[in-house]
Amino acid sequence: MSDDFTSLRVHVKGFVQGVGFRDFLVMAAQHNGLDGWVRNRSDGSVEALVSGATKAVESFVQAATRGPQAAKVQHVDLHVSKPPAEKGFSRRSTL
């Protein structure tokens, strides 16, 4: 794996459910050609696994810190992760 490839688990806390946050991140991932998934968590947060070119992942993380207009992001945790097994970017069920 080259230095230009990054895989991160992104955990977004704040007012991030019921505001189109997952769709916003799906569009950000597809725009940047990333693989992974996004889902709501039962604690009110949003979690994503994102994998691809480092600059594209950085762009996705910037989008996650902003969120859609109605969202109020309070905190974003980033953790290095294994890349997803499947290609493409999808929405998953709430965990």
PDB file of N, CA and C in Angstrom:
ATOM      1  N   MET A   1       0.839  -1.179   0.000  1.00  0.00           N
ATOM      2  CA  MET A   1       0.000   0.000   0.000  1.00  0.00           C
ATOM      3  C   MET A   1       0.887   1.246   0.000  1.00  0.00           C
ATOM      4  N   SER A   2       0.546   2.209  -0.830  1.00  0.00           N
ATOM      5  CA  SER A   2       1.373   3.415  -0.923  1.00  0.00           C
ATOM      6  C   SER A   2       0.981   4.421   0.145  1.00  0.00           C
ATOM      7  N   ASP A   3       1.815   5.440   0.307  1.00  0.00           N
ATOM      8  CA  ASP A   3       1.527   6.509   1.265  1.00  0.00           C
ATOM      9  C   ASP A   3       0.338   7.343   0.818  1.00  0.00           C
ATOM     10  N   ASP A   4      -0.055   7.214  -0.446  1.00  0.00           N
ATOM     11  CA  ASP A   4      -1.141   8.029  -0.975  1.00  0.00           C
ATOM     12  C   ASP A   4      -2.495   7.360  -0.793  1.00  0.00           C
ATOM     13  N   PHE A   5      -2.569   6.353   0.058  1.00  0.00           N
ATOM     14  CA  PHE A   5      -3.818   5.632   0.309  1.00  0.00           C
ATOM     15  C   PHE A   5      -4.136   5.705   1.797  1.00  0.00           C
ATOM     16  N   THR A   6      -5.360   6.083   2.121  1.00  0.00           N
ATOM     17  CA  THR A   6      -5.759   6.233   3.520  1.00  0.00           C
ATOM     18  C   THR A   6      -7.095   5.552   3.746  1.00  0.00           C
ATOM     19  N   SER A   7      -7.237   4.934   4.896  1.00  0.00           N
ATOM     20  CA  SER A   7      -8.498   4.342   5.304  1.00  0.00           C
ATOM     21  C   SER A   7      -8.777   4.774   6.741  1.00  0.00           C
ATOM     22  N   LEU A   8      -9.914   5.438   6.938  1.00  0.00           N
ATOM     23  CA  LEU A   8     -10.248   5.989   8.256  1.00  0.00           C
ATOM     24  C   LEU A   8     -11.660   5.613   8.686  1.00  0.00           C
ATOM     25  N   ARG A   9     -11.825   5.438   9.987  1.00  0.00           N
ATOM     26  CA  ARG A   9     -13.147   5.376  10.601  1.00  0.00           C
ATOM     27  C   ARG A   9     -13.415   6.795  11.106  1.00  0.00           C
ATOM     28  N   VAL A  10     -14.542   7.360  10.694  1.00  0.00           N
ATOM     29  CA  VAL A  10     -14.906   8.746  11.012  1.00  0.00           C
ATOM     30  C   VAL A  10     -16.167   8.702  11.874  1.00  0.00           C
ATOM     31  N   HIS A  11     -16.087   9.291  13.072  1.00  0.00           N
ATOM     32  CA  HIS A  11     -17.213   9.280  14.001  1.00  0.00           C
ATOM     33  C   HIS A  11     -17.593  10.731  14.288  1.00  0.00           C
ATOM     34  N   VAL A  12     -18.790  11.136  13.847  1.00  0.00           N
ATOM     35  CA  VAL A  12     -19.225  12.530  13.918  1.00  0.00           C
ATOM     36  C   VAL A  12     -20.295  12.676  14.997  1.00  0.00           C
ATOM     37  N   LYS A  13     -20.044  13.607  15.930  1.00  0.00           N
ATOM     38  CA  LYS A  13     -20.985  13.844  17.026  1.00  0.00           C
ATOM     39  C   LYS A  13     -21.541  15.261  16.922  1.00  0.00           C
ATOM     40  N   GLY A  14     -22.764  15.421  17.413  1.00  0.00           N
ATOM     41  CA  GLY A  14     -23.443  16.713  17.372  1.00  0.00           C
ATOM     42  C   GLY A  14     -24.872  16.496  16.914  1.00  0.00           C
ATOM     43  N   PHE A  15     -25.470  17.525  16.321  1.00  0.00           N
ATOM     44  CA  PHE A  15     -26.816  17.411  15.753  1.00  0.00           C
ATOM     45  C   PHE A  15     -26.640  16.950  14.312  1.00  0.00           C
ATOM     46  N   VAL A  16     -26.552  15.619  14.136  1.00  0.00           N
ATOM     47  CA  VAL A  16     -26.157  15.066  12.832  1.00  0.00           C
ATOM     48  C   VAL A  16     -27.120  13.999  12.299  1.00  0.00           C
ATOM     49  N   GLN A  17     -28.239  13.793  12.978  1.00  0.00           N
ATOM     50  CA  GLN A  17     -29.244  12.861  12.462  1.00  0.00           C
ATOM     51  C   GLN A  17     -30.514  13.633  12.150  1.00  0.00           C
ATOM     52  N   GLY A  18     -31.207  13.215  11.099  1.00  0.00           N
ATOM     53  CA  GLY A  18     -32.437  13.872  10.696  1.00  0.00           C
ATOM     54  C   GLY A  18     -32.204  15.151   9.904  1.00  0.00           C
ATOM     55  N   VAL A  19     -30.964  15.335   9.428  1.00  0.00           N
ATOM     56  CA  VAL A  19     -30.616  16.558   8.687  1.00  0.00           C
ATOM     57  C   VAL A  19     -29.990  16.244   7.325  1.00  0.00           C
ATOM     58  N   GLY A  20     -30.077  14.986   6.887  1.00  0.00           N
ATOM     59  CA  GLY A  20     -29.495  14.597   5.597  1.00  0.00           C
ATOM     60  C   GLY A  20     -28.003  14.361   5.640  1.00  0.00           C
ATOM     61  N   PHE A  21     -27.470  14.096   6.833  1.00  0.00           N
ATOM     62  CA  PHE A  21     -26.017  13.947   6.977  1.00  0.00           C
ATOM     63  C   PHE A  21     -25.476  12.755   6.204  1.00  0.00           C
ATOM     64  N   ARG A  22     -26.171  11.625   6.275  1.00  0.00           N
ATOM     65  CA  ARG A  22     -25.670  10.438   5.555  1.00  0.00           C
ATOM     66  C   ARG A  22     -25.671  10.663   4.055  1.00  0.00           C
ATOM     67  N   ASP A  23     -26.762  11.225   3.520  1.00  0.00           N
ATOM     68  CA  ASP A  23     -26.798  11.508   2.079  1.00  0.00           C
ATOM     69  C   ASP A  23     -25.688  12.484   1.687  1.00  0.00           C
ATOM     70  N   PHE A  24     -25.447  13.480   2.548  1.00  0.00           N
ATOM     71  CA  PHE A  24     -24.379  14.460   2.319  1.00  0.00           C
ATOM     72  C   PHE A  24     -23.021  13.749   2.217  1.00  0.00           C
ATOM     73  N   LEU A  25     -22.776  12.792   3.118  1.00  0.00           N
ATOM     74  CA  LEU A  25     -21.492  12.074   3.096  1.00  0.00           C
ATOM     75  C   LEU A  25     -21.408  11.088   1.937  1.00  0.00           C
ATOM     76  N   VAL A  26     -22.534  10.477   1.558  1.00  0.00           N
ATOM     77  CA  VAL A  26     -22.534   9.599   0.382  1.00  0.00           C
ATOM     78  C   VAL A  26     -22.115  10.417  -0.849  1.00  0.00           C
ATOM     79  N   MET A  27     -22.691  11.607  -1.000  1.00  0.00           N
ATOM     80  CA  MET A  27     -22.334  12.459  -2.147  1.00  0.00           C
ATOM     81  C   MET A  27     -20.865  12.875  -2.091  1.00  0.00           C
ATOM     82  N   ALA A  28     -20.378  13.209  -0.897  1.00  0.00           N
ATOM     83  CA  ALA A  28     -18.970  13.600  -0.748  1.00  0.00           C
ATOM     84  C   ALA A  28     -18.052  12.442  -1.117  1.00  0.00           C
ATOM     85  N   ALA A  29     -18.410  11.229  -0.698  1.00  0.00           N
ATOM     86  CA  ALA A  29     -17.593  10.050  -1.001  1.00  0.00           C
ATOM     87  C   ALA A  29     -17.608   9.744  -2.489  1.00  0.00           C
ATOM     88  N   GLN A  30     -18.793   9.794  -3.093  1.00  0.00           N
ATOM     89  CA  GLN A  30     -18.893   9.498  -4.521  1.00  0.00           C
ATOM     90  C   GLN A  30     -18.164  10.558  -5.338  1.00  0.00           C
ATOM     91  N   HIS A  31     -18.280  11.808  -4.941  1.00  0.00           N
ATOM     92  CA  HIS A  31     -17.588  12.904  -5.628  1.00  0.00           C
ATOM     93  C   HIS A  31     -16.071  12.706  -5.606  1.00  0.00           C
ATOM     94  N   ASN A  32     -15.577  12.131  -4.501  1.00  0.00           N
ATOM     95  CA  ASN A  32     -14.131  11.923  -4.337  1.00  0.00           C
ATOM     96  C   ASN A  32     -13.666  10.523  -4.732  1.00  0.00           C
ATOM     97  N   GLY A  33     -14.583   9.684  -5.233  1.00  0.00           N
ATOM     98  CA  GLY A  33     -14.211   8.341  -5.692  1.00  0.00           C
ATOM     99  C   GLY A  33     -13.767   7.414  -4.576  1.00  0.00           C
ATOM    100  N   LEU A  34     -14.417   7.502  -3.421  1.00  0.00           N
ATOM    101  CA  LEU A  34     -14.005   6.731  -2.242  1.00  0.00           C
ATOM    102  C   LEU A  34     -14.853   5.488  -2.044  1.00  0.00           C
ATOM    103  N   ASP A  35     -14.295   4.521  -1.361  1.00  0.00           N
ATOM    104  CA  ASP A  35     -14.999   3.309  -0.963  1.00  0.00           C
ATOM    105  C   ASP A  35     -15.348   3.407   0.516  1.00  0.00           C
ATOM    106  N   GLY A  36     -16.390   2.670   0.914  1.00  0.00           N
ATOM    107  CA  GLY A  36     -16.741   2.607   2.326  1.00  0.00           C
ATOM    108  C   GLY A  36     -18.230   2.643   2.559  1.00  0.00           C
ATOM    109  N   TRP A  37     -18.627   3.143   3.721  1.00  0.00           N
ATOM    110  CA  TRP A  37     -20.028   3.170   4.117  1.00  0.00           C
ATOM    111  C   TRP A  37     -20.255   4.243   5.174  1.00  0.00           C
ATOM    112  N   VAL A  38     -21.535   4.555   5.398  1.00  0.00           N
ATOM    113  CA  VAL A  38     -21.937   5.501   6.440  1.00  0.00           C
ATOM    114  C   VAL A  38     -23.198   4.961   7.097  1.00  0.00           C
ATOM    115  N   ARG A  39     -23.350   5.208   8.407  1.00  0.00           N
ATOM    116  CA  ARG A  39     -24.555   4.776   9.115  1.00  0.00           C
ATOM    117  C   ARG A  39     -24.800   5.680  10.327  1.00  0.00           C
ATOM    118  N   ASN A  40     -26.059   5.747  10.727  1.00  0.00           N
ATOM    119  CA  ASN A  40     -26.401   6.383  11.999  1.00  0.00           C
ATOM    120  C   ASN A  40     -26.086   5.403  13.119  1.00  0.00           C
ATOM    121  N   ARG A  41     -25.790   5.958  14.291  1.00  0.00           N
ATOM    122  CA  ARG A  41     -25.618   5.124  15.486  1.00  0.00           C
ATOM    123  C   ARG A  41     -26.732   5.476  16.465  1.00  0.00           C
ATOM    124  N   SER A  42     -27.099   4.519  17.295  1.00  0.00           N
ATOM    125  CA  SER A  42     -28.233   4.710  18.207  1.00  0.00           C
ATOM    126  C   SER A  42     -27.965   5.802  19.244  1.00  0.00           C
ATOM    127  N   ASP A  43     -26.709   6.226  19.412  1.00  0.00           N
ATOM    128  CA  ASP A  43     -26.391   7.304  20.362  1.00  0.00           C
ATOM    129  C   ASP A  43     -26.576   8.695  19.748  1.00  0.00           C
ATOM    130  N   GLY A  44     -27.062   8.753  18.494  1.00  0.00           N
ATOM    131  CA  GLY A  44     -27.296  10.039  17.843  1.00  0.00           C
ATOM    132  C   GLY A  44     -26.143  10.520  16.977  1.00  0.00           C
ATOM    133  N   SER A  45     -25.066   9.750  16.918  1.00  0.00           N
ATOM    134  CA  SER A  45     -23.908  10.128  16.102  1.00  0.00           C
ATOM    135  C   SER A  45     -23.995   9.481  14.720  1.00  0.00           C
ATOM    136  N   VAL A  46     -23.073   9.846  13.858  1.00  0.00           N
ATOM    137  CA  VAL A  46     -22.952   9.248  12.531  1.00  0.00           C
ATOM    138  C   VAL A  46     -21.544   8.684  12.416  1.00  0.00           C
ATOM    139  N   GLU A  47     -21.436   7.475  11.872  1.00  0.00           N
ATOM    140  CA  GLU A  47     -20.154   6.798  11.723  1.00  0.00           C
ATOM    141  C   GLU A  47     -19.944   6.446  10.260  1.00  0.00           C
ATOM    142  N   ALA A  48     -18.706   6.595   9.794  1.00  0.00           N
ATOM    143  CA  ALA A  48     -18.383   6.229   8.415  1.00  0.00           C
ATOM    144  C   ALA A  48     -17.038   5.525   8.376  1.00  0.00           C
ATOM    145  N   LEU A  49     -16.892   4.656   7.399  1.00  0.00           N
ATOM    146  CA  LEU A  49     -15.598   4.078   7.046  1.00  0.00           C
ATOM    147  C   LEU A  49     -15.326   4.554   5.636  1.00  0.00           C
ATOM    148  N   VAL A  50     -14.179   5.192   5.452  1.00  0.00           N
ATOM    149  CA  VAL A  50     -13.870   5.781   4.150  1.00  0.00           C
ATOM    150  C   VAL A  50     -12.452   5.397   3.765  1.00  0.00           C
ATOM    151  N   SER A  51     -12.272   5.092   2.479  1.00  0.00           N
ATOM    152  CA  SER A  51     -10.993   4.570   2.028  1.00  0.00           C
ATOM    153  C   SER A  51     -10.716   5.036   0.603  1.00  0.00           C
ATOM    154  N   GLY A  52      -9.476   5.456   0.359  1.00  0.00           N
ATOM    155  CA  GLY A  52      -9.104   5.873  -0.984  1.00  0.00           C
ATOM    156  C   GLY A  52      -7.860   6.736  -0.968  1.00  0.00           C
ATOM    157  N   ALA A  53      -7.694   7.507  -2.017  1.00  0.00           N
ATOM    158  CA  ALA A  53      -6.543   8.404  -2.119  1.00  0.00           C
ATOM    159  C   ALA A  53      -6.550   9.369  -0.936  1.00  0.00           C
ATOM    160  N   THR A  54      -5.386   9.605  -0.348  1.00  0.00           N
ATOM    161  CA  THR A  54      -5.283  10.417   0.861  1.00  0.00           C
ATOM    162  C   THR A  54      -5.928  11.792   0.705  1.00  0.00           C
ATOM    163  N   LYS A  55      -5.664  12.473  -0.401  1.00  0.00           N
ATOM    164  CA  LYS A  55      -6.243  13.811  -0.604  1.00  0.00           C
ATOM    165  C   LYS A  55      -7.765  13.743  -0.680  1.00  0.00           C
ATOM    166  N   ALA A  56      -8.292  12.690  -1.292  1.00  0.00           N
ATOM    167  CA  ALA A  56      -9.745  12.509  -1.388  1.00  0.00           C
ATOM    168  C   ALA A  56     -10.346  12.230  -0.007  1.00  0.00           C
ATOM    169  N   VAL A  57      -9.661  11.422   0.799  1.00  0.00           N
ATOM    170  CA  VAL A  57     -10.127  11.144   2.165  1.00  0.00           C
ATOM    171  C   VAL A  57     -10.099  12.434   2.991  1.00  0.00           C
ATOM    172  N   GLU A  58      -9.056  13.245   2.822  1.00  0.00           N
ATOM    173  CA  GLU A  58      -8.979  14.526   3.535  1.00  0.00           C
ATOM    174  C   GLU A  58     -10.153  15.429   3.152  1.00  0.00           C
ATOM    175  N   SER A  59     -10.517  15.439   1.878  1.00  0.00           N
ATOM    176  CA  SER A  59     -11.653  16.230   1.415  1.00  0.00           C
ATOM    177  C   SER A  59     -12.948  15.733   2.057  1.00  0.00           C
ATOM    178  N   PHE A  60     -13.101  14.409   2.159  1.00  0.00           N
ATOM    179  CA  PHE A  60     -14.277  13.814   2.801  1.00  0.00           C
ATOM    180  C   PHE A  60     -14.351  14.228   4.272  1.00  0.00           C
ATOM    181  N   VAL A  61     -13.214  14.170   4.970  1.00  0.00           N
ATOM    182  CA  VAL A  61     -13.180  14.541   6.388  1.00  0.00           C
ATOM    183  C   VAL A  61     -13.551  16.013   6.559  1.00  0.00           C
ATOM    184  N   GLN A  62     -13.078  16.869   5.656  1.00  0.00           N
ATOM    185  CA  GLN A  62     -13.462  18.285   5.712  1.00  0.00           C
ATOM    186  C   GLN A  62     -14.978  18.428   5.562  1.00  0.00           C
ATOM    187  N   ALA A  63     -15.565  17.667   4.639  1.00  0.00           N
ATOM    188  CA  ALA A  63     -17.017  17.698   4.459  1.00  0.00           C
ATOM    189  C   ALA A  63     -17.724  17.220   5.731  1.00  0.00           C
ATOM    190  N   ALA A  64     -17.187  16.178   6.368  1.00  0.00           N
ATOM    191  CA  ALA A  64     -17.799  15.644   7.593  1.00  0.00           C
ATOM    192  C   ALA A  64     -17.741  16.651   8.737  1.00  0.00           C
ATOM    193  N   THR A  65     -16.719  17.486   8.777  1.00  0.00           N
ATOM    194  CA  THR A  65     -16.625  18.481   9.852  1.00  0.00           C
ATOM    195  C   THR A  65     -17.604  19.633   9.623  1.00  0.00           C
ATOM    196  N   ARG A  66     -18.016  19.852   8.375  1.00  0.00           N
ATOM    197  CA  ARG A  66     -19.020  20.875   8.044  1.00  0.00           C
ATOM    198  C   ARG A  66     -20.423  20.310   8.146  1.00  0.00           C
ATOM    199  N   GLY A  67     -20.651  19.232   7.408  1.00  0.00           N
ATOM    200  CA  GLY A  67     -21.978  18.637   7.322  1.00  0.00           C
ATOM    201  C   GLY A  67     -22.901  19.473   6.460  1.00  0.00           C
ATOM    202  N   PRO A  68     -24.130  18.980   6.266  1.00  0.00           N
ATOM    203  CA  PRO A  68     -25.116  19.758   5.514  1.00  0.00           C
ATOM    204  C   PRO A  68     -25.536  20.980   6.333  1.00  0.00           C
ATOM    205  N   GLN A  69     -26.263  21.882   5.700  1.00  0.00           N
ATOM    206  CA  GLN A  69     -26.582  23.173   6.307  1.00  0.00           C
ATOM    207  C   GLN A  69     -27.261  23.073   7.674  1.00  0.00           C
ATOM    208  N   ALA A  70     -28.192  22.132   7.858  1.00  0.00           N
ATOM    209  CA  ALA A  70     -28.951  22.041   9.114  1.00  0.00           C
ATOM    210  C   ALA A  70     -28.173  21.357  10.241  1.00  0.00           C
ATOM    211  N   ALA A  71     -27.049  20.713   9.928  1.00  0.00           N
ATOM    212  CA  ALA A  71     -26.280  19.973  10.937  1.00  0.00           C
ATOM    213  C   ALA A  71     -25.478  20.925  11.816  1.00  0.00           C
ATOM    214  N   LYS A  72     -25.205  20.449  13.039  1.00  0.00           N
ATOM    215  CA  LYS A  72     -24.322  21.171  13.944  1.00  0.00           C
ATOM    216  C   LYS A  72     -23.287  20.180  14.464  1.00  0.00           C
ATOM    217  N   VAL A  73     -22.144  20.121  13.784  1.00  0.00           N
ATOM    218  CA  VAL A  73     -21.091  19.176  14.142  1.00  0.00           C
ATOM    219  C   VAL A  73     -20.340  19.725  15.361  1.00  0.00           C
ATOM    220  N   GLN A  74     -20.272  18.898  16.412  1.00  0.00           N
ATOM    221  CA  GLN A  74     -19.547  19.299  17.622  1.00  0.00           C
ATOM    222  C   GLN A  74     -18.161  18.683  17.683  1.00  0.00           C
ATOM    223  N   HIS A  75     -18.038  17.453  17.194  1.00  0.00           N
ATOM    224  CA  HIS A  75     -16.753  16.752  17.325  1.00  0.00           C
ATOM    225  C   HIS A  75     -16.639  15.666  16.259  1.00  0.00           C
ATOM    226  N   VAL A  76     -15.440  15.496  15.723  1.00  0.00           N
ATOM    227  CA  VAL A  76     -15.169  14.426  14.763  1.00  0.00           C
ATOM    228  C   VAL A  76     -13.953  13.637  15.252  1.00  0.00           C
ATOM    229  N   ASP A  77     -14.137  12.349  15.479  1.00  0.00           N
ATOM    230  CA  ASP A  77     -13.037  11.448  15.842  1.00  0.00           C
ATOM    231  C   ASP A  77     -12.587  10.709  14.595  1.00  0.00           C
ATOM    232  N   LEU A  78     -11.274  10.604  14.411  1.00  0.00           N
ATOM    233  CA  LEU A  78     -10.702   9.875  13.276  1.00  0.00           C
ATOM    234  C   LEU A  78      -9.817   8.751  13.799  1.00  0.00           C
ATOM    235  N   HIS A  79      -9.990   7.568  13.235  1.00  0.00           N
ATOM    236  CA  HIS A  79      -9.178   6.413  13.616  1.00  0.00           C
ATOM    237  C   HIS A  79      -8.742   5.684  12.355  1.00  0.00           C
ATOM    238  N   VAL A  80      -7.461   5.366  12.255  1.00  0.00           N
ATOM    239  CA  VAL A  80      -6.961   4.583  11.129  1.00  0.00           C
ATOM    240  C   VAL A  80      -7.645   3.220  11.171  1.00  0.00           C
ATOM    241  N   SER A  81      -8.035   2.718  10.005  1.00  0.00           N
ATOM    242  CA  SER A  81      -8.806   1.489   9.931  1.00  0.00           C
ATOM    243  C   SER A  81      -8.375   0.661   8.729  1.00  0.00           C
ATOM    244  N   LYS A  82      -8.817  -0.586   8.703  1.00  0.00           N
ATOM    245  CA  LYS A  82      -8.627  -1.417   7.510  1.00  0.00           C
ATOM    246  C   LYS A  82      -9.604  -0.946   6.445  1.00  0.00           C
ATOM    247  N   PRO A  83      -9.235  -1.018   5.173  1.00  0.00           N
ATOM    248  CA  PRO A  83     -10.177  -0.632   4.117  1.00  0.00           C
ATOM    249  C   PRO A  83     -11.358  -1.596   4.058  1.00  0.00           C
ATOM    250  N   PRO A  84     -12.494  -1.121   3.543  1.00  0.00           N
ATOM    251  CA  PRO A  84     -13.670  -1.997   3.436  1.00  0.00           C
ATOM    252  C   PRO A  84     -13.426  -3.106   2.416  1.00  0.00           C
ATOM    253  N   ALA A  85     -14.134  -4.204   2.593  1.00  0.00           N
ATOM    254  CA  ALA A  85     -13.989  -5.342   1.674  1.00  0.00           C
ATOM    255  C   ALA A  85     -14.614  -5.036   0.322  1.00  0.00           C
ATOM    256  N   GLU A  86     -15.707  -4.263   0.322  1.00  0.00           N
ATOM    257  CA  GLU A  86     -16.431  -4.005  -0.921  1.00  0.00           C
ATOM    258  C   GLU A  86     -16.043  -2.652  -1.511  1.00  0.00           C
ATOM    259  N   LYS A  87     -16.204  -2.554  -2.819  1.00  0.00           N
ATOM    260  CA  LYS A  87     -15.955  -1.289  -3.520  1.00  0.00           C
ATOM    261  C   LYS A  87     -17.228  -0.454  -3.537  1.00  0.00           C
ATOM    262  N   GLY A  88     -17.077   0.837  -3.751  1.00  0.00           N
ATOM    263  CA  GLY A  88     -18.219   1.728  -3.758  1.00  0.00           C
ATOM    264  C   GLY A  88     -18.490   2.263  -2.363  1.00  0.00           C
ATOM    265  N   PHE A  89     -19.490   3.128  -2.253  1.00  0.00           N
ATOM    266  CA  PHE A  89     -19.819   3.738  -0.964  1.00  0.00           C
ATOM    267  C   PHE A  89     -21.316   3.588  -0.739  1.00  0.00           C
ATOM    268  N   SER A  90     -21.713   3.087   0.432  1.00  0.00           N
ATOM    269  CA  SER A  90     -23.114   2.782   0.682  1.00  0.00           C
ATOM    270  C   SER A  90     -23.578   3.294   2.034  1.00  0.00           C
ATOM    271  N   ARG A  91     -24.899   3.331   2.169  1.00  0.00           N
ATOM    272  CA  ARG A  91     -25.529   3.606   3.476  1.00  0.00           C
ATOM    273  C   ARG A  91     -25.785   2.279   4.149  1.00  0.00           C
ATOM    274  N   ARG A  92     -25.507   2.205   5.434  1.00  0.00           N
ATOM    275  CA  ARG A  92     -25.795   0.991   6.204  1.00  0.00           C
ATOM    276  C   ARG A  92     -26.893   1.282   7.219  1.00  0.00           C
ATOM    277  N   SER A  93     -27.456   0.210   7.751  1.00  0.00           N
ATOM    278  CA  SER A  93     -28.504   0.341   8.782  1.00  0.00           C
ATOM    279  C   SER A  93     -27.905   0.887  10.065  1.00  0.00           C
ATOM    280  N   THR A  94     -28.752   1.520  10.856  1.00  0.00           N
ATOM    281  CA  THR A  94     -28.343   2.066  12.151  1.00  0.00           C
ATOM    282  C   THR A  94     -27.803   0.968  13.043  1.00  0.00           C
ATOM    283  N   LEU A  95     -26.753   1.293  13.790  1.00  0.00           N
ATOM    284  CA  LEU A  95     -26.153   0.341  14.734  1.00  0.00           C
ATOM    285  C   LEU A  95     -26.452   0.819  16.139  1.00  0.00           C
TER     286      LEU A  95
END
